[in-house]
Amino acid sequence: MAVPKKKTSKSCKRKRKAVWKRKAAYEADKALSLGKSVLTGRSKGFYYPSDEDEEEEED
């Protein structure tokens, strides 16, 4: 026979939500940092084809 689950307390819900939001903020910071490094040309772990490379391939 099915038994209802126990109700989750407010503190548990808030903790879970805070962790989820913290992860999202961390990923957003990483993405912004990667974008800045790509634009400055100092990125080493990310390949980004520039317009110059595309023009050379067409010739």
Protein backbone atom coordinates (compact mmCIF):
# COMPACT_ATOMS: atom_id res chain seq x y z
CA MET A 1 0.00 0.00 0.00
CA ALA A 2 1.31 3.48 -0.88
CA VAL A 3 2.44 5.63 2.01
CA PRO A 4 2.84 9.42 1.73
CA LYS A 5 6.38 10.74 2.02
CA LYS A 6 7.44 12.92 4.92
CA LYS A 7 7.17 16.65 4.41
CA THR A 8 10.48 18.43 3.71
CA SER A 9 11.21 21.16 6.23
CA LYS A 10 11.65 24.78 5.17
CA SER A 11 15.31 24.78 6.19
CA CYS A 12 16.04 21.74 3.99
CA LYS A 13 14.32 23.38 1.02
CA ARG A 14 16.20 26.63 1.57
CA LYS A 15 19.55 24.84 1.87
CA ARG A 16 18.97 22.96 -1.37
CA LYS A 17 17.90 26.14 -3.16
CA ALA A 18 20.94 28.06 -1.88
CA VAL A 19 23.32 25.35 -3.11
CA TRP A 20 21.64 25.35 -6.52
CA LYS A 21 21.92 29.13 -6.81
CA ARG A 22 25.57 29.08 -5.67
CA LYS A 23 26.40 26.55 -8.39
CA ALA A 24 24.68 28.70 -11.02
CA ALA A 25 26.60 31.80 -9.93
CA TYR A 26 29.90 29.88 -10.04
CA GLU A 27 29.22 28.59 -13.57
CA ALA A 28 28.27 32.10 -14.72
CA ASP A 29 31.56 33.47 -13.36
CA LYS A 30 33.51 30.74 -15.16
CA ALA A 31 31.72 31.46 -18.45
CA LEU A 32 32.38 35.19 -18.13
CA SER A 33 36.04 34.57 -17.36
CA LEU A 34 36.42 32.27 -20.36
CA GLY A 35 34.72 34.83 -22.60
CA LYS A 36 37.06 37.57 -21.43
CA SER A 37 40.16 35.43 -21.97
CA VAL A 38 39.00 34.48 -25.48
CA LEU A 39 38.45 38.13 -26.40
CA THR A 40 41.88 39.17 -25.10
CA GLY A 41 43.55 36.26 -26.90
CA ARG A 42 45.14 34.85 -23.75
CA SER A 43 43.12 31.65 -23.52
CA LYS A 44 45.13 28.43 -23.68
CA GLY A 45 42.52 25.75 -23.05
CA PHE A 46 39.93 26.90 -25.56
CA TYR A 47 40.19 26.92 -29.34
CA TYR A 48 38.47 29.87 -30.97
CA PRO A 49 38.88 30.35 -34.73
CA SER A 50 39.45 33.98 -35.60
CA ASP A 51 38.24 35.76 -38.73
CA GLU A 52 41.80 35.85 -40.09
CA ASP A 53 42.02 32.04 -40.08
CA GLU A 54 38.78 31.75 -42.03
CA GLU A 55 39.98 34.23 -44.67
CA GLU A 56 43.23 32.31 -45.18
CA GLU A 57 41.35 29.06 -45.71
CA GLU A 58 39.15 30.62 -48.40
CA ASP A 59 42.13 31.87 -50.46
